[in-house]
């Protein structure tokens, strides 16, 4: 009997190299998902540099304001996060996480 693969393996996923994500973008994405896990709706995140530094200092990750906001822009450009009408508030793109369902 042929084994059926999970649906997310059939989707066209881009690798990190194709998305051109660097370590800073990965760290900011990790921060966004970490904070989102504590929010009631698990999708909307309020994150500015001041809040990010309080978390990154605990995890011993060094990040500058310019690199932080550049990583946010990169995540927006690659459609991983969606900016909202409020400043420093972002939504995780549900299409990006659709393979988890």
PDB file of N, CA and C in Angstrom:
ATOM      1  N   UNK A   1       0.845  -1.172   0.000  1.00  0.00           N
ATOM      2  CA  UNK A   1       0.000   0.000   0.000  1.00  0.00           C
ATOM      3  C   UNK A   1       0.898   1.244   0.000  1.00  0.00           C
ATOM      4  N   UNK A   2       0.559   2.172  -0.838  1.00  0.00           N
ATOM      5  CA  UNK A   2       1.340   3.402  -0.947  1.00  0.00           C
ATOM      6  C   UNK A   2       1.023   4.325   0.229  1.00  0.00           C
ATOM      7  N   UNK A   3       2.071   4.808   0.868  1.00  0.00           N
ATOM      8  CA  UNK A   3       1.882   5.698   2.015  1.00  0.00           C
ATOM      9  C   UNK A   3       1.572   7.103   1.525  1.00  0.00           C
ATOM     10  N   UNK A   4       0.567   7.703   2.118  1.00  0.00           N
ATOM     11  CA  UNK A   4       0.162   9.059   1.733  1.00  0.00           C
ATOM     12  C   UNK A   4       0.980  10.074   2.519  1.00  0.00           C
ATOM     13  N   UNK A   5       1.547  11.035   1.810  1.00  0.00           N
ATOM     14  CA  UNK A   5       2.346  12.078   2.451  1.00  0.00           C
ATOM     15  C   UNK A   5       1.452  13.172   2.996  1.00  0.00           C
ATOM     16  N   UNK A   6       1.913  13.889   4.056  1.00  0.00           N
ATOM     17  CA  UNK A   6       1.125  15.014   4.571  1.00  0.00           C
ATOM     18  C   UNK A   6       0.953  16.097   3.513  1.00  0.00           C
ATOM     19  N   UNK A   7      -0.133  16.831   3.620  1.00  0.00           N
ATOM     20  CA  UNK A   7      -0.482  17.844   2.615  1.00  0.00           C
ATOM     21  C   UNK A   7       0.573  18.933   2.503  1.00  0.00           C
ATOM     22  N   UNK A   8       1.221  19.267   3.620  1.00  0.00           N
ATOM     23  CA  UNK A   8       2.181  20.373   3.556  1.00  0.00           C
ATOM     24  C   UNK A   8       3.404  20.025   2.709  1.00  0.00           C
ATOM     25  N   UNK A   9       3.667  18.742   2.492  1.00  0.00           N
ATOM     26  CA  UNK A   9       4.797  18.361   1.645  1.00  0.00           C
ATOM     27  C   UNK A   9       4.509  18.582   0.162  1.00  0.00           C
ATOM     28  N   UNK A  10       3.232  18.673  -0.192  1.00  0.00           N
ATOM     29  CA  UNK A  10       2.866  18.911  -1.583  1.00  0.00           C
ATOM     30  C   UNK A  10       2.873  20.395  -1.945  1.00  0.00           C
ATOM     31  N   UNK A  11       2.877  21.253  -0.953  1.00  0.00           N
ATOM     32  CA  UNK A  11       2.842  22.686  -1.232  1.00  0.00           C
ATOM     33  C   UNK A  11       4.223  23.158  -1.653  1.00  0.00           C
ATOM     34  N   UNK A  12       4.243  24.217  -2.435  1.00  0.00           N
ATOM     35  CA  UNK A  12       5.496  24.779  -2.911  1.00  0.00           C
ATOM     36  C   UNK A  12       6.065  25.680  -1.829  1.00  0.00           C
ATOM     37  N   UNK A  13       6.992  25.164  -1.072  1.00  0.00           N
ATOM     38  CA  UNK A  13       7.615  25.936  -0.009  1.00  0.00           C
ATOM     39  C   UNK A  13       8.965  26.463  -0.494  1.00  0.00           C
ATOM     40  N   UNK A  14       9.251  27.671  -0.122  1.00  0.00           N
ATOM     41  CA  UNK A  14      10.542  28.246  -0.454  1.00  0.00           C
ATOM     42  C   UNK A  14      11.513  27.950   0.678  1.00  0.00           C
ATOM     43  N   UNK A  15      12.746  27.646   0.321  1.00  0.00           N
ATOM     44  CA  UNK A  15      13.756  27.435   1.344  1.00  0.00           C
ATOM     45  C   UNK A  15      14.215  28.784   1.882  1.00  0.00           C
ATOM     46  N   UNK A  16      15.003  28.739   2.970  1.00  0.00           N
ATOM     47  CA  UNK A  16      15.516  29.975   3.547  1.00  0.00           C
ATOM     48  C   UNK A  16      16.401  30.719   2.564  1.00  0.00           C
ATOM     49  N   UNK A  17      17.146  29.989   1.755  1.00  0.00           N
ATOM     50  CA  UNK A  17      18.009  30.647   0.772  1.00  0.00           C
ATOM     51  C   UNK A  17      17.181  31.371  -0.283  1.00  0.00           C
ATOM     52  N   UNK A  18      16.068  30.746  -0.697  1.00  0.00           N
ATOM     53  CA  UNK A  18      15.218  31.384  -1.701  1.00  0.00           C
ATOM     54  C   UNK A  18      14.505  32.599  -1.114  1.00  0.00           C
ATOM     55  N   UNK A  19      14.164  32.549   0.155  1.00  0.00           N
ATOM     56  CA  UNK A  19      13.529  33.688   0.806  1.00  0.00           C
ATOM     57  C   UNK A  19      14.539  34.756   1.201  1.00  0.00           C
ATOM     58  N   UNK A  20      15.817  34.419   1.188  1.00  0.00           N
ATOM     59  CA  UNK A  20      16.900  35.312   1.587  1.00  0.00           C
ATOM     60  C   UNK A  20      16.739  35.792   3.031  1.00  0.00           C
ATOM     61  N   UNK A  21      16.345  34.881   3.900  1.00  0.00           N
ATOM     62  CA  UNK A  21      16.239  35.225   5.316  1.00  0.00           C
ATOM     63  C   UNK A  21      17.586  34.995   5.986  1.00  0.00           C
ATOM     64  N   UNK A  22      17.990  35.936   6.820  1.00  0.00           N
ATOM     65  CA  UNK A  22      19.249  35.800   7.523  1.00  0.00           C
ATOM     66  C   UNK A  22      18.978  35.469   8.995  1.00  0.00           C
ATOM     67  N   UNK A  23      20.021  35.384   9.789  1.00  0.00           N
ATOM     68  CA  UNK A  23      19.859  35.039  11.201  1.00  0.00           C
ATOM     69  C   UNK A  23      19.024  36.059  11.953  1.00  0.00           C
ATOM     70  N   UNK A  24      19.168  37.333  11.618  1.00  0.00           N
ATOM     71  CA  UNK A  24      18.395  38.363  12.296  1.00  0.00           C
ATOM     72  C   UNK A  24      16.913  38.184  12.007  1.00  0.00           C
ATOM     73  N   UNK A  25      16.568  37.902  10.762  1.00  0.00           N
ATOM     74  CA  UNK A  25      15.162  37.670  10.420  1.00  0.00           C
ATOM     75  C   UNK A  25      14.633  36.433  11.140  1.00  0.00           C
ATOM     76  N   UNK A  26      15.455  35.408  11.259  1.00  0.00           N
ATOM     77  CA  UNK A  26      15.041  34.215  11.995  1.00  0.00           C
ATOM     78  C   UNK A  26      14.803  34.541  13.467  1.00  0.00           C
ATOM     79  N   UNK A  27      15.685  35.346  14.050  1.00  0.00           N
ATOM     80  CA  UNK A  27      15.530  35.724  15.454  1.00  0.00           C
ATOM     81  C   UNK A  27      14.274  36.565  15.672  1.00  0.00           C
ATOM     82  N   UNK A  28      14.012  37.501  14.775  1.00  0.00           N
ATOM     83  CA  UNK A  28      12.821  38.342  14.898  1.00  0.00           C
ATOM     84  C   UNK A  28      11.561  37.497  14.688  1.00  0.00           C
ATOM     85  N   UNK A  29      11.605  36.570  13.745  1.00  0.00           N
ATOM     86  CA  UNK A  29      10.476  35.671  13.540  1.00  0.00           C
ATOM     87  C   UNK A  29      10.237  34.826  14.790  1.00  0.00           C
ATOM     88  N   UNK A  30      11.304  34.363  15.403  1.00  0.00           N
ATOM     89  CA  UNK A  30      11.180  33.596  16.647  1.00  0.00           C
ATOM     90  C   UNK A  30      10.551  34.453  17.740  1.00  0.00           C
ATOM     91  N   UNK A  31      10.976  35.718  17.849  1.00  0.00           N
ATOM     92  CA  UNK A  31      10.380  36.630  18.832  1.00  0.00           C
ATOM     93  C   UNK A  31       8.887  36.820  18.578  1.00  0.00           C
ATOM     94  N   UNK A  32       8.526  37.012  17.320  1.00  0.00           N
ATOM     95  CA  UNK A  32       7.117  37.214  16.980  1.00  0.00           C
ATOM     96  C   UNK A  32       6.272  35.998  17.342  1.00  0.00           C
ATOM     97  N   UNK A  33       6.762  34.815  17.020  1.00  0.00           N
ATOM     98  CA  UNK A  33       5.980  33.614  17.349  1.00  0.00           C
ATOM     99  C   UNK A  33       5.956  33.351  18.842  1.00  0.00           C
ATOM    100  N   UNK A  34       7.030  33.696  19.537  1.00  0.00           N
ATOM    101  CA  UNK A  34       7.058  33.534  20.992  1.00  0.00           C
ATOM    102  C   UNK A  34       6.029  34.438  21.655  1.00  0.00           C
ATOM    103  N   UNK A  35       5.987  35.694  21.260  1.00  0.00           N
ATOM    104  CA  UNK A  35       5.028  36.637  21.840  1.00  0.00           C
ATOM    105  C   UNK A  35       3.611  36.276  21.415  1.00  0.00           C
ATOM    106  N   UNK A  36       3.447  35.822  20.182  1.00  0.00           N
ATOM    107  CA  UNK A  36       2.114  35.431  19.710  1.00  0.00           C
ATOM    108  C   UNK A  36       1.563  34.252  20.497  1.00  0.00           C
ATOM    109  N   UNK A  37       2.421  33.398  20.990  1.00  0.00           N
ATOM    110  CA  UNK A  37       1.943  32.240  21.741  1.00  0.00           C
ATOM    111  C   UNK A  37       1.315  32.645  23.072  1.00  0.00           C
ATOM    112  N   UNK A  38       1.629  33.845  23.557  1.00  0.00           N
ATOM    113  CA  UNK A  38       1.060  34.329  24.816  1.00  0.00           C
ATOM    114  C   UNK A  38      -0.134  35.244  24.622  1.00  0.00           C
ATOM    115  N   UNK A  39      -0.459  35.603  23.397  1.00  0.00           N
ATOM    116  CA  UNK A  39      -1.601  36.482  23.148  1.00  0.00           C
ATOM    117  C   UNK A  39      -2.875  35.650  23.032  1.00  0.00           C
ATOM    118  N   UNK A  40      -4.025  36.245  23.327  1.00  0.00           N
ATOM    119  CA  UNK A  40      -5.278  35.471  23.288  1.00  0.00           C
ATOM    120  C   UNK A  40      -5.630  34.893  21.920  1.00  0.00           C
ATOM    121  N   UNK A  41      -5.435  35.666  20.855  1.00  0.00           N
ATOM    122  CA  UNK A  41      -5.823  35.142  19.534  1.00  0.00           C
ATOM    123  C   UNK A  41      -4.684  34.427  18.815  1.00  0.00           C
ATOM    124  N   UNK A  42      -3.476  34.456  19.358  1.00  0.00           N
ATOM    125  CA  UNK A  42      -2.294  33.753  18.827  1.00  0.00           C
ATOM    126  C   UNK A  42      -1.853  34.238  17.448  1.00  0.00           C
ATOM    127  N   UNK A  43      -2.401  35.332  16.974  1.00  0.00           N
ATOM    128  CA  UNK A  43      -2.030  35.837  15.644  1.00  0.00           C
ATOM    129  C   UNK A  43      -1.491  37.256  15.668  1.00  0.00           C
ATOM    130  N   UNK A  44      -2.036  38.108  16.519  1.00  0.00           N
ATOM    131  CA  UNK A  44      -1.661  39.508  16.535  1.00  0.00           C
ATOM    132  C   UNK A  44      -0.553  39.734  17.559  1.00  0.00           C
ATOM    133  N   UNK A  45       0.485  40.452  17.119  1.00  0.00           N
ATOM    134  CA  UNK A  45       1.655  40.666  17.961  1.00  0.00           C
ATOM    135  C   UNK A  45       1.991  42.151  17.991  1.00  0.00           C
ATOM    136  N   UNK A  46       2.228  42.678  19.189  1.00  0.00           N
ATOM    137  CA  UNK A  46       2.749  44.035  19.328  1.00  0.00           C
ATOM    138  C   UNK A  46       4.228  43.891  19.652  1.00  0.00           C
ATOM    139  N   UNK A  47       5.083  44.370  18.769  1.00  0.00           N
ATOM    140  CA  UNK A  47       6.520  44.223  18.977  1.00  0.00           C
ATOM    141  C   UNK A  47       7.257  45.441  18.463  1.00  0.00           C
ATOM    142  N   UNK A  48       7.907  46.135  19.373  1.00  0.00           N
ATOM    143  CA  UNK A  48       8.824  47.203  18.993  1.00  0.00           C
ATOM    144  C   UNK A  48      10.216  46.814  19.476  1.00  0.00           C
ATOM    145  N   UNK A  49      11.206  47.644  19.175  1.00  0.00           N
ATOM    146  CA  UNK A  49      12.580  47.282  19.513  1.00  0.00           C
ATOM    147  C   UNK A  49      12.781  47.201  21.018  1.00  0.00           C
ATOM    148  N   UNK A  50      12.163  48.085  21.773  1.00  0.00           N
ATOM    149  CA  UNK A  50      12.331  48.077  23.229  1.00  0.00           C
ATOM    150  C   UNK A  50      11.836  46.756  23.825  1.00  0.00           C
ATOM    151  N   UNK A  51      10.692  46.300  23.369  1.00  0.00           N
ATOM    152  CA  UNK A  51      10.160  45.030  23.867  1.00  0.00           C
ATOM    153  C   UNK A  51      11.032  43.857  23.402  1.00  0.00           C
ATOM    154  N   UNK A  52      11.546  43.960  22.201  1.00  0.00           N
ATOM    155  CA  UNK A  52      12.397  42.887  21.673  1.00  0.00           C
ATOM    156  C   UNK A  52      13.700  42.776  22.457  1.00  0.00           C
ATOM    157  N   UNK A  53      14.284  43.911  22.839  1.00  0.00           N
ATOM    158  CA  UNK A  53      15.554  43.848  23.560  1.00  0.00           C
ATOM    159  C   UNK A  53      15.380  43.235  24.949  1.00  0.00           C
ATOM    160  N   UNK A  54      14.247  43.454  25.581  1.00  0.00           N
ATOM    161  CA  UNK A  54      14.050  42.846  26.896  1.00  0.00           C
ATOM    162  C   UNK A  54      14.029  41.321  26.802  1.00  0.00           C
ATOM    163  N   UNK A  55      13.521  40.796  25.694  1.00  0.00           N
ATOM    164  CA  UNK A  55      13.491  39.339  25.502  1.00  0.00           C
ATOM    165  C   UNK A  55      14.844  38.828  25.011  1.00  0.00           C
ATOM    166  N   UNK A  56      15.461  39.548  24.084  1.00  0.00           N
ATOM    167  CA  UNK A  56      16.725  39.074  23.523  1.00  0.00           C
ATOM    168  C   UNK A  56      17.855  39.112  24.547  1.00  0.00           C
ATOM    169  N   UNK A  57      17.812  40.021  25.488  1.00  0.00           N
ATOM    170  CA  UNK A  57      18.838  40.041  26.526  1.00  0.00           C
ATOM    171  C   UNK A  57      18.755  38.796  27.398  1.00  0.00           C
ATOM    172  N   UNK A  58      17.549  38.324  27.659  1.00  0.00           N
ATOM    173  CA  UNK A  58      17.392  37.089  28.436  1.00  0.00           C
ATOM    174  C   UNK A  58      17.932  35.888  27.666  1.00  0.00           C
ATOM    175  N   UNK A  59      17.787  35.906  26.356  1.00  0.00           N
ATOM    176  CA  UNK A  59      18.232  34.791  25.507  1.00  0.00           C
ATOM    177  C   UNK A  59      19.653  34.990  24.984  1.00  0.00           C
ATOM    178  N   UNK A  60      20.304  36.093  25.362  1.00  0.00           N
ATOM    179  CA  UNK A  60      21.665  36.436  24.954  1.00  0.00           C
ATOM    180  C   UNK A  60      21.813  36.530  23.435  1.00  0.00           C
ATOM    181  N   UNK A  61      20.857  37.199  22.818  1.00  0.00           N
ATOM    182  CA  UNK A  61      20.898  37.473  21.385  1.00  0.00           C
ATOM    183  C   UNK A  61      21.150  38.963  21.226  1.00  0.00           C
ATOM    184  N   UNK A  62      22.182  39.328  20.473  1.00  0.00           N
ATOM    185  CA  UNK A  62      22.475  40.745  20.253  1.00  0.00           C
ATOM    186  C   UNK A  62      21.828  41.190  18.945  1.00  0.00           C
ATOM    187  N   UNK A  63      21.084  42.290  19.024  1.00  0.00           N
ATOM    188  CA  UNK A  63      20.426  42.830  17.832  1.00  0.00           C
ATOM    189  C   UNK A  63      20.389  44.358  17.953  1.00  0.00           C
ATOM    190  N   UNK A  64      20.670  45.029  16.841  1.00  0.00           N
ATOM    191  CA  UNK A  64      20.638  46.487  16.832  1.00  0.00           C
ATOM    192  C   UNK A  64      19.285  46.946  16.304  1.00  0.00           C
ATOM    193  N   UNK A  65      18.900  48.206  16.588  1.00  0.00           N
ATOM    194  CA  UNK A  65      17.610  48.691  16.079  1.00  0.00           C
ATOM    195  C   UNK A  65      17.504  48.639  14.552  1.00  0.00           C
ATOM    196  N   UNK A  66      18.571  48.999  13.865  1.00  0.00           N
ATOM    197  CA  UNK A  66      18.527  48.991  12.394  1.00  0.00           C
ATOM    198  C   UNK A  66      18.326  47.576  11.864  1.00  0.00           C
ATOM    199  N   UNK A  67      19.053  46.622  12.411  1.00  0.00           N
ATOM    200  CA  UNK A  67      18.908  45.231  11.959  1.00  0.00           C
ATOM    201  C   UNK A  67      17.535  44.681  12.320  1.00  0.00           C
ATOM    202  N   UNK A  68      17.001  45.085  13.474  1.00  0.00           N
ATOM    203  CA  UNK A  68      15.684  44.614  13.896  1.00  0.00           C
ATOM    204  C   UNK A  68      14.606  45.068  12.919  1.00  0.00           C
ATOM    205  N   UNK A  69      14.573  46.363  12.626  1.00  0.00           N
ATOM    206  CA  UNK A  69      13.532  46.886  11.735  1.00  0.00           C
ATOM    207  C   UNK A  69      13.750  46.444  10.284  1.00  0.00           C
ATOM    208  N   UNK A  70      15.001  46.204   9.885  1.00  0.00           N
ATOM    209  CA  UNK A  70      15.274  45.650   8.568  1.00  0.00           C
ATOM    210  C   UNK A  70      14.735  44.219   8.476  1.00  0.00           C
ATOM    211  N   UNK A  71      14.873  43.460   9.551  1.00  0.00           N
ATOM    212  CA  UNK A  71      14.349  42.090   9.579  1.00  0.00           C
ATOM    213  C   UNK A  71      12.823  42.094   9.539  1.00  0.00           C
ATOM    214  N   UNK A  72      12.194  43.052  10.241  1.00  0.00           N
ATOM    215  CA  UNK A  72      10.731  43.184  10.187  1.00  0.00           C
ATOM    216  C   UNK A  72      10.295  43.467   8.755  1.00  0.00           C
ATOM    217  N   UNK A  73      10.981  44.390   8.084  1.00  0.00           N
ATOM    218  CA  UNK A  73      10.651  44.700   6.686  1.00  0.00           C
ATOM    219  C   UNK A  73      10.829  43.481   5.791  1.00  0.00           C
ATOM    220  N   UNK A  74      11.871  42.689   6.042  1.00  0.00           N
ATOM    221  CA  UNK A  74      12.114  41.490   5.248  1.00  0.00           C
ATOM    222  C   UNK A  74      10.994  40.468   5.456  1.00  0.00           C
ATOM    223  N   UNK A  75      10.527  40.318   6.701  1.00  0.00           N
ATOM    224  CA  UNK A  75       9.426  39.391   6.976  1.00  0.00           C
ATOM    225  C   UNK A  75       8.123  39.867   6.332  1.00  0.00           C
ATOM    226  N   UNK A  76       7.932  41.176   6.266  1.00  0.00           N
ATOM    227  CA  UNK A  76       6.751  41.725   5.585  1.00  0.00           C
ATOM    228  C   UNK A  76       6.866  41.494   4.078  1.00  0.00           C
ATOM    229  N   UNK A  77       8.053  41.720   3.514  1.00  0.00           N
ATOM    230  CA  UNK A  77       8.255  41.536   2.076  1.00  0.00           C
ATOM    231  C   UNK A  77       8.068  40.088   1.640  1.00  0.00           C
ATOM    232  N   UNK A  78       8.414  39.142   2.507  1.00  0.00           N
ATOM    233  CA  UNK A  78       8.270  37.729   2.157  1.00  0.00           C
ATOM    234  C   UNK A  78       6.918  37.163   2.591  1.00  0.00           C
ATOM    235  N   UNK A  79       6.020  38.035   3.019  1.00  0.00           N
ATOM    236  CA  UNK A  79       4.651  37.666   3.401  1.00  0.00           C
ATOM    237  C   UNK A  79       4.572  36.687   4.567  1.00  0.00           C
ATOM    238  N   UNK A  80       5.529  36.739   5.464  1.00  0.00           N
ATOM    239  CA  UNK A  80       5.471  35.918   6.667  1.00  0.00           C
ATOM    240  C   UNK A  80       4.600  36.612   7.705  1.00  0.00           C
ATOM    241  N   UNK A  81       4.718  37.944   7.785  1.00  0.00           N
ATOM    242  CA  UNK A  81       3.875  38.730   8.683  1.00  0.00           C
ATOM    243  C   UNK A  81       3.167  39.813   7.880  1.00  0.00           C
ATOM    244  N   UNK A  82       2.075  40.302   8.457  1.00  0.00           N
ATOM    245  CA  UNK A  82       1.270  41.329   7.801  1.00  0.00           C
ATOM    246  C   UNK A  82       1.174  42.524   8.741  1.00  0.00           C
ATOM    247  N   UNK A  83       1.529  43.727   8.292  1.00  0.00           N
ATOM    248  CA  UNK A  83       1.374  44.891   9.174  1.00  0.00           C
ATOM    249  C   UNK A  83      -0.101  45.231   9.350  1.00  0.00           C
ATOM    250  N   UNK A  84      -0.439  45.765  10.511  1.00  0.00           N
ATOM    251  CA  UNK A  84      -1.806  46.192  10.771  1.00  0.00           C
ATOM    252  C   UNK A  84      -1.861  47.716  10.679  1.00  0.00           C
ATOM    253  N   UNK A  85      -3.029  48.271  10.972  1.00  0.00           N
ATOM    254  CA  UNK A  85      -3.167  49.723  10.905  1.00  0.00           C
ATOM    255  C   UNK A  85      -2.496  50.421  12.084  1.00  0.00           C
ATOM    256  N   UNK A  86      -2.115  49.650  13.110  1.00  0.00           N
ATOM    257  CA  UNK A  86      -1.457  50.224  14.279  1.00  0.00           C
ATOM    258  C   UNK A  86       0.051  50.064  14.162  1.00  0.00           C
ATOM    259  N   UNK A  87       0.765  51.059  14.662  1.00  0.00           N
ATOM    260  CA  UNK A  87       2.216  51.036  14.600  1.00  0.00           C
ATOM    261  C   UNK A  87       2.753  49.933  15.511  1.00  0.00           C
ATOM    262  N   UNK A  88       3.745  49.199  15.044  1.00  0.00           N
ATOM    263  CA  UNK A  88       4.417  48.102  15.761  1.00  0.00           C
ATOM    264  C   UNK A  88       3.507  46.915  16.038  1.00  0.00           C
ATOM    265  N   UNK A  89       2.379  46.823  15.369  1.00  0.00           N
ATOM    266  CA  UNK A  89       1.514  45.667  15.547  1.00  0.00           C
ATOM    267  C   UNK A  89       1.478  44.891  14.235  1.00  0.00           C
ATOM    268  N   UNK A  90       1.678  43.591  14.336  1.00  0.00           N
ATOM    269  CA  UNK A  90       1.764  42.737  13.159  1.00  0.00           C
ATOM    270  C   UNK A  90       0.891  41.509  13.362  1.00  0.00           C
ATOM    271  N   UNK A  91       0.451  40.933  12.247  1.00  0.00           N
ATOM    272  CA  UNK A  91      -0.305  39.676  12.285  1.00  0.00           C
ATOM    273  C   UNK A  91       0.519  38.615  11.581  1.00  0.00           C
ATOM    274  N   UNK A  92       0.541  37.429  12.163  1.00  0.00           N
ATOM    275  CA  UNK A  92       1.200  36.314  11.503  1.00  0.00           C
ATOM    276  C   UNK A  92       0.330  35.887  10.331  1.00  0.00           C
ATOM    277  N   UNK A  93       0.929  35.681   9.183  1.00  0.00           N
ATOM    278  CA  UNK A  93       0.183  35.337   7.978  1.00  0.00           C
ATOM    279  C   UNK A  93      -0.369  33.914   8.104  1.00  0.00           C
ATOM    280  N   UNK A  94      -1.696  33.751   8.119  1.00  0.00           N
ATOM    281  CA  UNK A  94      -2.254  32.405   8.291  1.00  0.00           C
ATOM    282  C   UNK A  94      -1.937  31.472   7.121  1.00  0.00           C
ATOM    283  N   UNK A  95      -1.700  32.025   5.940  1.00  0.00           N
ATOM    284  CA  UNK A  95      -1.357  31.184   4.787  1.00  0.00           C
ATOM    285  C   UNK A  95       0.015  30.545   5.000  1.00  0.00           C
ATOM    286  N   UNK A  96       0.918  31.273   5.619  1.00  0.00           N
ATOM    287  CA  UNK A  96       2.259  30.760   5.877  1.00  0.00           C
ATOM    288  C   UNK A  96       2.211  29.570   6.832  1.00  0.00           C
ATOM    289  N   UNK A  97       1.253  29.583   7.764  1.00  0.00           N
ATOM    290  CA  UNK A  97       1.143  28.513   8.751  1.00  0.00           C
ATOM    291  C   UNK A  97       0.058  27.497   8.404  1.00  0.00           C
ATOM    292  N   UNK A  98      -0.448  27.509   7.193  1.00  0.00           N
ATOM    293  CA  UNK A  98      -1.553  26.628   6.823  1.00  0.00           C
ATOM    294  C   UNK A  98      -1.154  25.154   6.816  1.00  0.00           C
ATOM    295  N   UNK A  99       0.129  24.861   6.683  1.00  0.00           N
ATOM    296  CA  UNK A  99       0.551  23.462   6.661  1.00  0.00           C
ATOM    297  C   UNK A  99       0.469  22.809   8.041  1.00  0.00           C
ATOM    298  N   UNK A 100       0.285  23.591   9.101  1.00  0.00           N
ATOM    299  CA  UNK A 100       0.218  23.032  10.452  1.00  0.00           C
ATOM    300  C   UNK A 100      -1.149  22.452  10.784  1.00  0.00           C
ATOM    301  N   UNK A 101      -2.158  22.786   9.995  1.00  0.00           N
ATOM    302  CA  UNK A 101      -3.514  22.333  10.306  1.00  0.00           C
ATOM    303  C   UNK A 101      -3.711  20.877   9.982  1.00  0.00           C
TER     304      UNK A 101
END
